[in-house]
Amino acid sequence: MPSRLRACFDNIPFSQDRASGTVRVLKQLTQLYSFTDIVKDSGAPYNMKIDLDGTLDSISTKISNGEYKGDYAFEAGMIK
């Protein structure tokens, strides 16, 4: 990503309230996802190891600890 574009993204302010709300809604939605337990360790042939609740809890902790310096960092952290 060109440095000027990245600098522009990095200047978008981070809102702890908005980020916390996003995580809260995602946690509510994962309760409706019927395959939550399966994706934690799907086995062959897919071999998925995705802990949706644990990942969202980790992101929530980072929000509370002020680890996101901008909105771009938060959004990028959501897709990792």
C-alpha atoms as a PDB file:
ATOM      1  CA  MET A   1       0.000   0.000   0.000  1.00  0.00           C
ATOM      2  CA  PRO A   2       1.430   3.407  -0.908  1.00  0.00           C
ATOM      3  CA  SER A   3       2.594   5.331   2.150  1.00  0.00           C
ATOM      4  CA  ARG A   4       0.316   8.349   1.567  1.00  0.00           C
ATOM      5  CA  LEU A   5      -2.725   6.109   1.358  1.00  0.00           C
ATOM      6  CA  ARG A   6      -1.692   4.227   4.493  1.00  0.00           C
ATOM      7  CA  ALA A   7      -1.131   7.525   6.324  1.00  0.00           C
ATOM      8  CA  CYS A   8      -4.639   8.593   5.319  1.00  0.00           C
ATOM      9  CA  PHE A   9      -6.100   5.332   6.678  1.00  0.00           C
ATOM     10  CA  ASP A  10      -4.074   5.631   9.870  1.00  0.00           C
ATOM     11  CA  ASN A  11      -5.555   9.084  10.512  1.00  0.00           C
ATOM     12  CA  ILE A  12      -9.128   7.794  10.739  1.00  0.00           C
ATOM     13  CA  PRO A  13      -9.943   8.158  14.435  1.00  0.00           C
ATOM     14  CA  PHE A  14     -10.638   5.091  16.523  1.00  0.00           C
ATOM     15  CA  SER A  15     -13.827   4.965  18.564  1.00  0.00           C
ATOM     16  CA  GLN A  16     -13.726   2.519  21.467  1.00  0.00           C
ATOM     17  CA  ASP A  17     -17.510   2.668  21.760  1.00  0.00           C
ATOM     18  CA  ARG A  18     -18.083   1.869  18.098  1.00  0.00           C
ATOM     19  CA  ALA A  19     -15.497  -0.913  18.102  1.00  0.00           C
ATOM     20  CA  SER A  20     -16.943  -2.446  21.275  1.00  0.00           C
ATOM     21  CA  GLY A  21     -20.407  -2.280  19.726  1.00  0.00           C
ATOM     22  CA  THR A  22     -19.141  -4.039  16.613  1.00  0.00           C
ATOM     23  CA  VAL A  23     -17.646  -6.867  18.664  1.00  0.00           C
ATOM     24  CA  ARG A  24     -20.792  -7.109  20.812  1.00  0.00           C
ATOM     25  CA  VAL A  25     -22.990  -7.533  17.717  1.00  0.00           C
ATOM     26  CA  LEU A  26     -20.605 -10.080  16.189  1.00  0.00           C
ATOM     27  CA  LYS A  27     -20.662 -12.099  19.422  1.00  0.00           C
ATOM     28  CA  GLN A  28     -24.466 -12.092  19.303  1.00  0.00           C
ATOM     29  CA  LEU A  29     -24.402 -13.256  15.700  1.00  0.00           C
ATOM     30  CA  THR A  30     -21.975 -16.089  16.427  1.00  0.00           C
ATOM     31  CA  GLN A  31     -24.552 -17.477  18.869  1.00  0.00           C
ATOM     32  CA  LEU A  32     -26.744 -18.115  15.815  1.00  0.00           C
ATOM     33  CA  TYR A  33     -23.961 -19.846  13.895  1.00  0.00           C
ATOM     34  CA  SER A  34     -24.642 -23.563  14.212  1.00  0.00           C
ATOM     35  CA  PHE A  35     -21.122 -24.688  13.304  1.00  0.00           C
ATOM     36  CA  THR A  36     -19.203 -22.793  16.020  1.00  0.00           C
ATOM     37  CA  ASP A  37     -18.028 -25.982  17.709  1.00  0.00           C
ATOM     38  CA  ILE A  38     -17.168 -27.706  14.443  1.00  0.00           C
ATOM     39  CA  VAL A  39     -14.915 -24.909  13.147  1.00  0.00           C
ATOM     40  CA  LYS A  40     -12.871 -24.957  16.365  1.00  0.00           C
ATOM     41  CA  ASP A  41     -11.342 -28.199  15.109  1.00  0.00           C
ATOM     42  CA  SER A  42     -13.050 -29.551  12.017  1.00  0.00           C
ATOM     43  CA  GLY A  43     -10.611 -32.300  11.198  1.00  0.00           C
ATOM     44  CA  ALA A  44     -10.073 -33.592   7.688  1.00  0.00           C
ATOM     45  CA  PRO A  45     -10.632 -32.624   4.968  1.00  0.00           C
ATOM     46  CA  TYR A  46     -11.056 -28.954   5.955  1.00  0.00           C
ATOM     47  CA  ASN A  47      -8.730 -28.779   8.976  1.00  0.00           C
ATOM     48  CA  MET A  48     -10.216 -25.531  10.299  1.00  0.00           C
ATOM     49  CA  LYS A  49      -9.166 -24.308  13.735  1.00  0.00           C
ATOM     50  CA  ILE A  50     -11.172 -21.128  14.275  1.00  0.00           C
ATOM     51  CA  ASP A  51     -12.256 -20.081  17.761  1.00  0.00           C
ATOM     52  CA  LEU A  52     -14.791 -17.367  16.952  1.00  0.00           C
ATOM     53  CA  ASP A  53     -15.628 -16.507  20.566  1.00  0.00           C
ATOM     54  CA  GLY A  54     -11.986 -16.580  21.643  1.00  0.00           C
ATOM     55  CA  THR A  55     -10.952 -14.357  18.759  1.00  0.00           C
ATOM     56  CA  LEU A  56     -13.687 -11.832  19.506  1.00  0.00           C
ATOM     57  CA  ASP A  57     -12.771 -11.895  23.205  1.00  0.00           C
ATOM     58  CA  SER A  58      -9.153 -11.185  22.283  1.00  0.00           C
ATOM     59  CA  ILE A  59     -10.188  -8.256  20.086  1.00  0.00           C
ATOM     60  CA  SER A  60     -12.416  -6.946  22.883  1.00  0.00           C
ATOM     61  CA  THR A  61      -9.479  -7.068  25.292  1.00  0.00           C
ATOM     62  CA  LYS A  62      -7.308  -5.149  22.826  1.00  0.00           C
ATOM     63  CA  ILE A  63     -10.045  -2.507  22.545  1.00  0.00           C
ATOM     64  CA  SER A  64     -10.257  -2.177  26.341  1.00  0.00           C
ATOM     65  CA  ASN A  65      -6.474  -1.969  26.656  1.00  0.00           C
ATOM     66  CA  GLY A  66      -6.234   0.792  24.041  1.00  0.00           C
ATOM     67  CA  GLU A  67      -4.089  -1.291  21.695  1.00  0.00           C
ATOM     68  CA  TYR A  68      -5.729   0.033  18.529  1.00  0.00           C
ATOM     69  CA  LYS A  69      -4.272   3.402  17.570  1.00  0.00           C
ATOM     70  CA  GLY A  70      -6.679   4.016  14.694  1.00  0.00           C
ATOM     71  CA  ASP A  71      -9.752   2.644  12.993  1.00  0.00           C
ATOM     72  CA  TYR A  72      -7.662   1.027  10.262  1.00  0.00           C
ATOM     73  CA  ALA A  73      -5.699  -1.000  12.822  1.00  0.00           C
ATOM     74  CA  PHE A  74      -8.953  -2.205  14.360  1.00  0.00           C
ATOM     75  CA  GLU A  75     -10.510  -3.114  11.003  1.00  0.00           C
ATOM     76  CA  ALA A  76      -7.327  -4.912   9.915  1.00  0.00           C
ATOM     77  CA  GLY A  77      -7.317  -6.799  13.225  1.00  0.00           C
ATOM     78  CA  MET A  78     -10.870  -7.964  12.574  1.00  0.00           C
ATOM     79  CA  ILE A  79      -9.888  -9.824   9.416  1.00  0.00           C
ATOM     80  CA  LYS A  80      -6.692 -11.474  10.634  1.00  0.00           C
END
